[in-house]
Protein backbone atom coordinates (compact mmCIF):
# COMPACT_ATOMS: atom_id res chain seq x y z
CA MET A 1 30.45 -64.86 14.40
CA HIS A 2 28.21 -62.02 13.31
CA TYR A 3 24.41 -62.25 13.28
CA VAL A 4 21.87 -60.24 11.29
CA GLU A 5 18.49 -60.00 13.00
CA TYR A 6 14.98 -59.02 11.99
CA GLY A 7 11.83 -58.75 14.14
CA LYS A 8 13.75 -58.56 17.43
CA GLU A 9 10.58 -57.72 19.36
CA ASN A 10 9.05 -61.15 18.66
CA ASN A 11 9.46 -64.16 20.94
CA ASN A 12 9.33 -67.02 18.43
CA ILE A 13 12.85 -67.31 17.08
CA ILE A 14 13.72 -68.73 13.68
CA LEU A 15 17.40 -69.25 12.91
CA LEU A 16 18.29 -69.67 9.21
CA LEU A 17 21.70 -70.98 8.13
CA HIS A 18 22.94 -70.01 4.67
CA GLY A 19 24.73 -72.38 2.32
CA GLY A 20 28.37 -72.50 1.28
CA GLY A 21 29.51 -69.57 -0.83
CA LEU A 22 26.49 -67.53 0.25
CA SER A 23 25.87 -65.33 3.28
CA TRP A 24 23.05 -63.87 5.37
CA TRP A 25 21.63 -62.05 2.33
CA ASN A 26 20.51 -65.41 0.94
CA TYR A 27 17.61 -65.22 3.43
CA GLU A 28 17.07 -61.43 3.41
CA ASP A 29 13.73 -61.52 1.54
CA THR A 30 12.49 -64.40 3.68
CA ALA A 31 13.52 -62.64 6.89
CA LYS A 32 11.78 -59.44 5.85
CA SER A 33 8.56 -61.30 5.10
CA LEU A 34 8.62 -63.18 8.44
CA GLN A 35 9.80 -60.36 10.72
CA LYS A 36 6.28 -59.20 11.63
CA ASP A 37 5.57 -62.52 13.36
CA PHE A 38 8.98 -63.95 14.21
CA HIS A 39 12.43 -62.98 15.46
CA ILE A 40 14.68 -64.02 12.57
CA ILE A 41 18.39 -64.65 13.15
CA LEU A 42 20.77 -65.04 10.23
CA PRO A 43 24.25 -66.14 11.36
CA ILE A 44 27.11 -65.27 9.03
CA LEU A 45 29.07 -68.51 8.93
CA ASP A 46 32.83 -68.17 9.27
CA GLY A 47 34.72 -67.58 6.04
CA HIS A 48 31.73 -66.14 4.17
CA ALA A 49 30.91 -62.58 3.07
CA GLU A 50 30.98 -60.16 6.02
CA SER A 51 32.21 -62.81 8.46
CA ASP A 52 34.67 -61.86 11.19
CA LYS A 53 37.00 -64.86 10.92
CA PRO A 54 38.12 -67.57 8.49
CA PHE A 55 36.30 -70.87 8.18
CA THR A 56 37.69 -73.74 10.26
CA THR A 57 35.12 -76.55 10.49
CA ILE A 58 31.38 -77.06 10.39
CA GLU A 59 31.64 -78.41 13.94
CA ASP A 60 33.26 -75.16 15.15
CA ASN A 61 30.50 -73.11 13.55
CA ALA A 62 27.81 -75.37 15.01
CA ALA A 63 29.33 -75.11 18.50
CA GLU A 64 29.39 -71.32 18.25
CA ILE A 65 25.75 -71.16 17.15
CA ILE A 66 24.70 -73.54 19.94
CA ALA A 67 26.54 -71.36 22.47
CA PHE A 68 24.77 -68.28 21.06
CA ILE A 69 21.37 -69.97 21.44
CA ASP A 70 22.24 -71.12 24.98
CA THR A 71 23.45 -67.68 26.05
CA HIS A 72 20.77 -65.52 24.44
CA PHE A 73 17.70 -67.74 24.32
CA GLY A 74 18.01 -70.25 27.14
CA GLY A 75 19.02 -73.06 24.81
CA SER A 76 15.86 -73.08 22.72
CA VAL A 77 14.55 -71.54 19.51
CA PHE A 78 11.27 -72.09 17.63
CA MET A 79 12.87 -73.37 14.44
CA ILE A 80 16.21 -73.82 12.67
CA GLY A 81 16.43 -74.08 8.89
CA GLY A 82 19.39 -74.43 6.59
CA LEU A 83 20.59 -74.81 3.05
CA SER A 84 23.50 -76.97 1.88
CA LEU A 85 26.40 -76.21 4.28
CA GLY A 86 23.88 -74.64 6.70
């Protein structure tokens, strides 16, 4: 899974999950407006524009995102938001 990030220097992490048929760009304006205060992470869900592999299941995508959070952020982020499939 690919991730687009904004505001990497900030400690409070917000992860935003796009909806079905969309991609990271759905949250681009939001990420740009929040990047001064937050570290914004926009996963590109499998099977969507610019993804690196085909979609399998929501559970597979969720497990991969949880593993990413565990590995990179000690299992915790400030907030997770989503739309539809996200």
